[in-house]
Amino acid sequence: MSLYLRQVGVVVWKDLLLELRTRERIAAMAAFAVLSGVLFSFATDRSVVRAQDIAAGLIWMTIVFDGLLGIGRTFHIEAEDAAMQGVLMSPAPKDAIFLGKAISNFALLYAVALLVLGVFMLFFGLEIGSSPGAVLLALGLGSLGFVALGTLFAAVSSGTRMGETVLPILVFPLLVPMVIYGAGATGRLLAGRPVAEVAGNLKMLAAFALVALAAGAGLFRFVVED
């Protein structure tokens, strides 16, 4: 088990180190998050709808589109000079490689999700409510499920001629539970509702994340072998 965890950690360290050196994805995702908040704030007529009524949905849709922007390029670096073949030929099991990439993507997306939350709180005048921990948990569980699916289908799309273009088509239908339960929990928590009221949503987000991780770890070997 310790060897397996070290192999997962090496993949995480490699991906995060490359991202810190290039800053390609994090810069693009951060800029997208800020610009989305600005545009949505101008597009919302406060005299017709209350910002609190639509902010949760806008936050999660921004996270989805922002996540696709970054996760779609998960295998971009490895695609150059056939570096991915070297990774796959390493002693690390295929599921360890998948988990390492999913964890590194999660660290990236969760940081951006927090930025998205901060941007919308600023431009929409939102308050985080009485349960900030539950809000952060909802964002974390949703981001974890998203990156599990996104990492798997990024591997699928990287082997096609259309590349990143086909990724949203593959992923969007599977993200419906995440958006429903994530936006529902976030909206109620930002409105100051008690955590007990969204406990079911949080459990569904946790189940979604676990199923997505298990499915991704099990199917990744078949994707990369093809």
Protein backbone atom coordinates (compact mmCIF):
# COMPACT_ATOMS: atom_id res chain seq x y z
CA MET A 1 0.00 0.00 0.00
CA SER A 2 2.81 2.41 0.83
CA LEU A 3 4.41 1.76 -2.58
CA TYR A 4 1.08 2.36 -4.29
CA LEU A 5 0.58 5.65 -2.46
CA ARG A 6 4.12 6.73 -3.37
CA GLN A 7 3.38 6.00 -7.02
CA VAL A 8 0.20 8.08 -6.84
CA GLY A 9 2.15 10.85 -5.07
CA VAL A 10 4.83 10.90 -7.76
CA VAL A 11 2.22 11.47 -10.47
CA VAL A 12 0.60 14.23 -8.40
CA TRP A 13 3.96 15.87 -7.73
CA LYS A 14 4.95 15.69 -11.41
CA ASP A 15 1.73 17.24 -12.69
CA LEU A 16 1.60 20.01 -10.08
CA LEU A 17 5.30 20.81 -10.58
CA LEU A 18 4.79 21.16 -14.33
CA GLU A 19 1.76 23.36 -13.74
CA LEU A 20 3.67 25.59 -11.33
CA ARG A 21 6.43 25.97 -13.89
CA THR A 22 4.22 26.77 -16.87
CA ARG A 23 1.10 28.21 -15.15
CA GLU A 24 -0.76 27.71 -18.44
CA ARG A 25 -3.94 26.16 -17.09
CA ILE A 26 -4.20 28.00 -13.79
CA ALA A 27 -3.75 31.40 -15.45
CA ALA A 28 -6.40 30.68 -18.09
CA MET A 29 -8.84 29.25 -15.55
CA ALA A 30 -8.38 32.13 -13.10
CA ALA A 31 -8.92 34.70 -15.86
CA PHE A 32 -12.04 32.85 -17.02
CA ALA A 33 -13.43 32.79 -13.47
CA VAL A 34 -12.99 36.54 -12.97
CA LEU A 35 -14.33 37.48 -16.40
CA SER A 36 -17.35 35.20 -15.98
CA GLY A 37 -18.23 36.86 -12.69
CA VAL A 38 -17.95 40.32 -14.26
CA LEU A 39 -20.06 39.40 -17.31
CA PHE A 40 -22.75 37.65 -15.27
CA SER A 41 -22.99 40.63 -12.93
CA PHE A 42 -23.62 42.97 -15.86
CA ALA A 43 -26.03 40.51 -17.50
CA THR A 44 -28.22 40.23 -14.38
CA ASP A 45 -31.01 42.77 -13.97
CA ARG A 46 -31.22 43.22 -10.20
CA SER A 47 -34.62 44.90 -10.52
CA VAL A 48 -36.11 41.72 -12.02
CA VAL A 49 -34.37 38.89 -10.13
CA ARG A 50 -32.48 38.70 -6.88
CA ALA A 51 -28.84 37.78 -7.22
CA GLN A 52 -29.19 35.25 -4.39
CA ASP A 53 -31.78 33.32 -6.40
CA ILE A 54 -29.54 32.61 -9.38
CA ALA A 55 -26.00 32.91 -8.01
CA ALA A 56 -25.62 29.24 -7.03
CA GLY A 57 -26.49 28.02 -10.52
CA LEU A 58 -24.14 30.54 -12.11
CA ILE A 59 -21.34 29.54 -9.74
CA TRP A 60 -21.61 25.87 -10.64
CA MET A 61 -21.92 26.45 -14.37
CA THR A 62 -18.83 28.66 -14.22
CA ILE A 63 -16.99 25.87 -12.39
CA VAL A 64 -18.07 23.35 -15.05
CA PHE A 65 -16.95 25.45 -18.01
CA ASP A 66 -13.79 26.56 -16.23
CA GLY A 67 -13.01 22.96 -15.31
CA LEU A 68 -13.36 21.82 -18.90
CA LEU A 69 -10.99 24.58 -19.94
CA GLY A 70 -8.26 23.19 -17.70
CA ILE A 71 -8.94 19.46 -17.50
CA GLY A 72 -9.23 19.19 -21.27
CA ARG A 73 -5.48 19.78 -21.38
CA THR A 74 -4.63 17.13 -18.77
CA PHE A 75 -2.73 14.99 -21.26
CA HIS A 76 -1.47 17.85 -23.43
CA ILE A 77 2.08 17.82 -22.06
CA GLU A 78 2.36 14.03 -22.23
CA ALA A 79 1.15 14.11 -25.84
CA GLU A 80 4.32 15.92 -26.87
CA ASP A 81 7.25 13.68 -27.80
CA ALA A 82 5.16 10.60 -26.91
CA ALA A 83 5.86 11.21 -23.22
CA MET A 84 2.59 9.51 -22.26
CA GLN A 85 3.95 6.20 -23.49
CA GLY A 86 6.83 6.57 -21.06
CA VAL A 87 4.42 7.21 -18.20
CA LEU A 88 2.33 4.17 -19.13
CA MET A 89 5.43 1.97 -19.36
CA SER A 90 6.48 2.89 -15.83
CA PRO A 91 5.99 0.34 -13.02
CA ALA A 92 3.04 2.35 -11.65
CA PRO A 93 -0.36 0.65 -12.13
CA LYS A 94 -2.73 2.37 -14.54
CA ASP A 95 -5.20 3.15 -11.77
CA ALA A 96 -2.42 4.82 -9.75
CA ILE A 97 -1.64 7.03 -12.74
CA PHE A 98 -5.32 7.91 -13.04
CA LEU A 99 -5.68 8.72 -9.34
CA GLY A 100 -2.52 10.84 -9.41
CA LYS A 101 -3.81 12.88 -12.33
CA ALA A 102 -7.28 13.15 -10.80
CA ILE A 103 -5.84 14.42 -7.50
CA SER A 104 -3.64 17.00 -9.23
CA ASN A 105 -6.63 18.14 -11.29
CA PHE A 106 -8.70 18.32 -8.12
CA ALA A 107 -6.14 20.58 -6.43
CA LEU A 108 -6.22 22.85 -9.47
CA LEU A 109 -10.00 22.91 -9.88
CA TYR A 110 -10.77 23.32 -6.18
CA ALA A 111 -8.51 26.36 -6.00
CA VAL A 112 -10.33 27.82 -8.99
CA ALA A 113 -13.73 26.92 -7.46
CA LEU A 114 -12.82 28.93 -4.37
CA LEU A 115 -11.84 31.81 -6.63
CA VAL A 116 -15.18 31.54 -8.45
CA LEU A 117 -17.02 31.64 -5.11
CA GLY A 118 -15.05 34.70 -4.03
CA VAL A 119 -15.67 36.49 -7.34
CA PHE A 120 -19.42 35.92 -7.20
CA MET A 121 -19.58 36.96 -3.55
CA LEU A 122 -17.84 40.19 -4.54
CA PHE A 123 -19.87 41.09 -7.62
CA PHE A 124 -23.24 39.74 -6.45
CA GLY A 125 -22.98 40.91 -2.86
CA LEU A 126 -23.37 37.39 -1.47
CA GLU A 127 -22.68 36.25 2.06
CA ILE A 128 -21.26 32.81 2.72
CA GLY A 129 -23.90 32.16 5.37
CA SER A 130 -23.63 30.54 8.77
CA SER A 131 -22.01 27.32 7.51
CA PRO A 132 -18.92 28.19 5.43
CA GLY A 133 -17.47 24.72 6.02
CA ALA A 134 -20.49 23.08 4.40
CA VAL A 135 -20.21 25.40 1.39
CA LEU A 136 -16.54 24.48 0.97
CA LEU A 137 -17.41 20.79 1.39
CA ALA A 138 -20.05 20.98 -1.33
CA LEU A 139 -17.59 22.64 -3.70
CA GLY A 140 -14.93 20.06 -2.84
CA LEU A 141 -17.17 17.02 -3.35
CA GLY A 142 -18.54 18.37 -6.61
CA SER A 143 -15.06 19.23 -7.87
CA LEU A 144 -13.80 15.74 -6.97
CA GLY A 145 -16.55 14.02 -8.92
CA PHE A 146 -16.04 16.39 -11.83
CA VAL A 147 -12.29 15.79 -12.10
CA ALA A 148 -12.76 12.01 -11.87
CA LEU A 149 -15.03 12.04 -14.90
CA GLY A 150 -13.09 14.81 -16.63
CA THR A 151 -9.73 13.06 -16.29
CA LEU A 152 -11.12 9.80 -17.70
CA PHE A 153 -12.81 11.43 -20.67
CA ALA A 154 -9.84 13.72 -21.28
CA ALA A 155 -7.86 10.53 -21.87
CA VAL A 156 -10.58 9.35 -24.27
CA SER A 157 -10.73 12.62 -26.20
CA SER A 158 -6.94 12.97 -26.38
CA GLY A 159 -6.88 9.92 -28.65
CA THR A 160 -9.35 11.40 -31.14
CA ARG A 161 -8.87 13.85 -33.98
CA MET A 162 -11.33 16.32 -32.46
CA GLY A 163 -9.43 16.31 -29.16
CA GLU A 164 -10.76 18.77 -26.59
CA THR A 165 -13.75 19.65 -28.79
CA VAL A 166 -15.49 16.36 -28.07
CA LEU A 167 -14.85 16.45 -24.31
CA PRO A 168 -17.91 18.57 -23.35
CA ILE A 169 -20.17 16.27 -25.39
CA LEU A 170 -18.90 13.26 -23.47
CA VAL A 171 -18.90 14.80 -20.00
CA PHE A 172 -21.93 17.12 -19.86
CA PRO A 173 -24.66 14.42 -19.64
CA LEU A 174 -22.87 12.77 -16.71
CA LEU A 175 -22.54 16.02 -14.76
CA VAL A 176 -26.28 16.52 -14.27
CA PRO A 177 -26.33 15.03 -10.72
CA MET A 178 -23.36 17.16 -9.68
CA VAL A 179 -24.97 20.38 -10.90
CA ILE A 180 -28.39 19.56 -9.40
CA TYR A 181 -27.18 18.61 -5.93
CA GLY A 182 -24.25 21.04 -5.89
CA ALA A 183 -26.29 24.07 -6.89
CA GLY A 184 -29.12 23.03 -4.57
CA ALA A 185 -26.82 22.72 -1.56
CA THR A 186 -24.86 25.87 -2.34
CA GLY A 187 -27.98 27.97 -2.90
CA ARG A 188 -29.54 26.95 0.40
CA LEU A 189 -26.32 27.42 2.36
CA LEU A 190 -25.70 30.87 0.89
CA ALA A 191 -29.27 31.74 1.88
CA GLY A 192 -28.41 30.89 5.48
CA ARG A 193 -30.30 27.59 5.69
CA PRO A 194 -29.05 25.02 8.25
CA VAL A 195 -26.65 22.26 7.22
CA ALA A 196 -29.23 19.61 8.13
CA GLU A 197 -31.40 20.85 5.26
CA VAL A 198 -28.70 20.05 2.69
CA ALA A 199 -27.33 16.86 4.27
CA GLY A 200 -29.00 14.76 1.57
CA ASN A 201 -27.42 16.85 -1.18
CA LEU A 202 -23.98 16.50 0.37
CA LYS A 203 -24.40 12.73 0.64
CA MET A 204 -25.40 12.52 -3.01
CA LEU A 205 -22.37 14.60 -4.00
CA ALA A 206 -20.14 12.28 -1.97
CA ALA A 207 -21.69 9.20 -3.60
CA PHE A 208 -21.28 10.78 -7.03
CA ALA A 209 -17.60 11.49 -6.35
CA LEU A 210 -16.90 7.96 -5.06
CA VAL A 211 -18.65 6.28 -7.99
CA ALA A 212 -16.86 8.53 -10.48
CA LEU A 213 -13.46 7.81 -8.91
CA ALA A 214 -14.07 4.06 -8.82
CA ALA A 215 -15.32 4.00 -12.41
CA GLY A 216 -12.42 6.13 -13.61
CA ALA A 217 -9.80 4.01 -11.85
CA GLY A 218 -11.32 0.83 -13.23
CA LEU A 219 -11.81 2.02 -16.82
CA PHE A 220 -8.66 4.08 -17.30
CA ARG A 221 -6.52 1.06 -18.23
CA PHE A 222 -8.87 0.18 -21.09
CA VAL A 223 -8.85 3.74 -22.38
CA VAL A 224 -5.08 4.12 -22.51
CA GLU A 225 -4.48 0.61 -23.81
CA ASP A 226 -6.64 1.36 -26.84
